[in-house]
Amino acid sequence: MGCALVTTIEAPGEGVGAPVIERPHNAARRRVTAPSRTNFEFWAWLFMRMSGLVLVFLVIGHLIIMTMLDGGVSRVNFAFVAGRWSSPFWRTWDLITLLLAELHGTLGLRTIINDYAHRNQSRFWLKMLLYASAVLVITLGTLVIMTFDPTLSD
């Protein structure tokens, strides 16, 4: 398998054949590994589809509420956020949106890294950086949502 994504092959007795699109760079590596007992790839695939569907509704709902209802974005300030996050419903809505979006994006980027990082060491460090940033964003976002004090004043 070469570096180019499109190559040509020769058919017997016909000269140059039609272009063939190669698989991602590490397809051969995937074939030689033993199948996983936990089937993580299946559950990751299923999570991506389900979280994507849920995120469509959560994000569209968020955008409609934040930008279109009751005067648009000009009303979004500390008092608006304090009023909204005084309700457990809105804290839960925003926390679920944060968690699903971060995990959905992390799994998507993990797949891209697995497909296109050539060396094992590069793949390892890129994924470690990805996981560290995901943990940081989830931790800080959860901390802000759960510890927000609406009684703070200017």
Protein backbone atom coordinates (compact mmCIF):
# COMPACT_ATOMS: atom_id res chain seq x y z
CA MET A 1 0.00 0.00 0.00
CA GLY A 2 1.50 3.33 -1.05
CA CYS A 3 1.10 6.81 0.34
CA ALA A 4 -1.30 7.94 -2.38
CA LEU A 5 -5.00 7.46 -1.83
CA VAL A 6 -5.66 6.70 -5.51
CA THR A 7 -3.50 4.26 -7.44
CA THR A 8 -3.86 2.34 -10.66
CA ILE A 9 -3.57 -1.40 -11.05
CA GLU A 10 -2.93 -3.48 -14.11
CA ALA A 11 -5.41 -6.12 -15.17
CA PRO A 12 -3.88 -9.26 -16.73
CA GLY A 13 -3.48 -8.77 -20.47
CA GLU A 14 -5.10 -5.32 -20.57
CA GLY A 15 -2.31 -2.90 -19.60
CA VAL A 16 -3.22 -0.14 -17.15
CA GLY A 17 -6.39 -0.74 -15.14
CA ALA A 18 -8.95 1.58 -13.54
CA PRO A 19 -8.11 3.74 -10.53
CA VAL A 20 -8.63 2.08 -7.16
CA ILE A 21 -9.17 3.98 -3.91
CA GLU A 22 -7.04 2.58 -1.12
CA ARG A 23 -8.19 2.01 2.43
CA PRO A 24 -7.00 4.30 5.25
CA HIS A 25 -3.30 3.99 6.08
CA ASN A 26 -3.63 1.57 8.96
CA ALA A 27 -6.13 -0.90 7.47
CA ALA A 28 -3.47 -3.62 7.35
CA ARG A 29 -2.64 -3.01 11.01
CA ARG A 30 -6.29 -3.52 11.96
CA ARG A 31 -6.46 -6.90 10.20
CA VAL A 32 -3.54 -8.41 12.14
CA THR A 33 -4.77 -7.43 15.60
CA ALA A 34 -6.84 -9.90 17.56
CA PRO A 35 -10.54 -9.15 17.84
CA SER A 36 -11.48 -7.35 21.03
CA ARG A 37 -13.56 -9.21 23.58
CA THR A 38 -15.36 -6.03 24.63
CA ASN A 39 -16.12 -4.95 21.06
CA PHE A 40 -15.31 -1.32 21.91
CA GLU A 41 -15.50 -0.23 18.28
CA PHE A 42 -19.11 -1.38 17.98
CA TRP A 43 -20.15 0.45 21.15
CA ALA A 44 -18.24 3.57 20.05
CA TRP A 45 -19.98 3.43 16.66
CA LEU A 46 -23.38 3.04 18.33
CA PHE A 47 -22.64 5.87 20.80
CA MET A 48 -21.67 8.18 17.93
CA ARG A 49 -25.00 7.59 16.19
CA MET A 50 -27.13 7.93 19.33
CA SER A 51 -25.26 10.93 20.73
CA GLY A 52 -25.45 12.64 17.35
CA LEU A 53 -29.23 12.30 17.32
CA VAL A 54 -29.60 13.57 20.89
CA LEU A 55 -27.17 16.43 20.23
CA VAL A 56 -29.23 17.65 17.28
CA PHE A 57 -32.20 18.25 19.58
CA LEU A 58 -30.14 19.63 22.48
CA VAL A 59 -28.16 22.06 20.34
CA ILE A 60 -31.10 23.24 18.25
CA GLY A 61 -33.09 23.77 21.45
CA HIS A 62 -30.18 25.68 22.95
CA LEU A 63 -29.82 27.89 19.88
CA ILE A 64 -33.54 28.65 19.69
CA ILE A 65 -33.73 29.56 23.37
CA MET A 66 -30.51 31.59 23.46
CA THR A 67 -30.85 33.49 20.20
CA MET A 68 -34.45 33.63 19.02
CA LEU A 69 -36.78 33.78 22.02
CA ASP A 70 -37.41 36.84 24.18
CA GLY A 71 -35.18 39.38 22.49
CA GLY A 72 -32.26 37.31 21.18
CA VAL A 73 -28.64 37.36 22.25
CA SER A 74 -28.71 40.91 23.58
CA ARG A 75 -30.38 39.63 26.74
CA VAL A 76 -27.70 37.05 27.51
CA ASN A 77 -25.70 38.32 30.50
CA PHE A 78 -24.84 37.19 34.02
CA ALA A 79 -28.42 37.73 35.26
CA PHE A 80 -29.81 35.62 32.41
CA VAL A 81 -27.38 32.77 33.12
CA ALA A 82 -28.03 33.03 36.87
CA GLY A 83 -31.77 32.84 36.29
CA ARG A 84 -31.43 29.94 33.89
CA TRP A 85 -29.02 27.94 36.05
CA SER A 86 -31.13 28.42 39.16
CA SER A 87 -33.22 25.59 37.68
CA PRO A 88 -31.85 22.02 37.89
CA PHE A 89 -33.49 21.33 34.51
CA TRP A 90 -31.28 23.85 32.67
CA ARG A 91 -28.13 22.79 34.51
CA THR A 92 -28.85 19.20 33.53
CA TRP A 93 -29.60 20.23 29.92
CA ASP A 94 -26.30 22.09 29.64
CA LEU A 95 -24.32 19.35 31.41
CA ILE A 96 -25.70 16.63 29.11
CA THR A 97 -24.95 18.82 26.08
CA LEU A 98 -21.37 19.37 27.29
CA LEU A 99 -20.74 15.68 28.00
CA LEU A 100 -22.28 14.35 24.80
CA ALA A 101 -20.59 16.95 22.59
CA GLU A 102 -17.16 16.41 24.14
CA LEU A 103 -17.37 12.60 24.04
CA HIS A 104 -18.82 12.62 20.51
CA GLY A 105 -16.03 14.88 19.28
CA THR A 106 -13.34 12.90 21.10
CA LEU A 107 -14.47 9.61 19.56
CA GLY A 108 -14.61 11.21 16.11
CA LEU A 109 -11.10 12.62 16.39
CA ARG A 110 -9.84 9.28 17.80
CA THR A 111 -11.10 7.60 14.63
CA ILE A 112 -9.36 10.17 12.44
CA ILE A 113 -6.11 9.73 14.38
CA ASN A 114 -6.35 5.94 14.06
CA ASP A 115 -6.94 6.19 10.31
CA TYR A 116 -4.33 8.77 9.36
CA ALA A 117 -1.49 8.81 11.91
CA HIS A 118 1.22 6.68 10.29
CA ARG A 119 3.49 5.77 13.20
CA ASN A 120 2.39 4.01 16.38
CA GLN A 121 4.23 6.54 18.54
CA SER A 122 2.56 9.48 16.81
CA ARG A 123 -0.82 7.81 17.13
CA PHE A 124 -0.26 7.17 20.84
CA TRP A 125 0.78 10.74 21.68
CA LEU A 126 -1.94 12.33 19.58
CA LYS A 127 -4.55 10.22 21.36
CA MET A 128 -3.05 11.01 24.78
CA LEU A 129 -3.24 14.73 23.97
CA LEU A 130 -6.82 14.28 22.78
CA TYR A 131 -7.87 12.37 25.91
CA ALA A 132 -6.13 14.86 28.22
CA SER A 133 -7.89 17.80 26.56
CA ALA A 134 -11.25 15.98 26.74
CA VAL A 135 -10.80 15.29 30.46
CA LEU A 136 -9.82 18.92 31.04
CA VAL A 137 -12.84 20.33 29.16
CA ILE A 138 -15.29 17.92 30.81
CA THR A 139 -13.84 18.57 34.27
CA LEU A 140 -13.80 22.36 33.98
CA GLY A 141 -17.21 22.51 32.27
CA THR A 142 -18.81 20.27 34.89
CA LEU A 143 -17.18 22.28 37.67
CA VAL A 144 -18.55 25.56 36.27
CA ILE A 145 -22.07 24.19 35.74
CA MET A 146 -22.32 22.49 39.13
CA THR A 147 -20.67 25.17 41.29
CA PHE A 148 -22.10 28.27 39.64
CA ASP A 149 -23.37 30.67 42.32
CA PRO A 150 -26.22 32.85 41.02
CA THR A 151 -26.03 35.09 44.10
CA LEU A 152 -22.68 36.60 43.13
CA SER A 153 -22.81 40.30 42.43
CA ASP A 154 -20.61 42.64 40.42
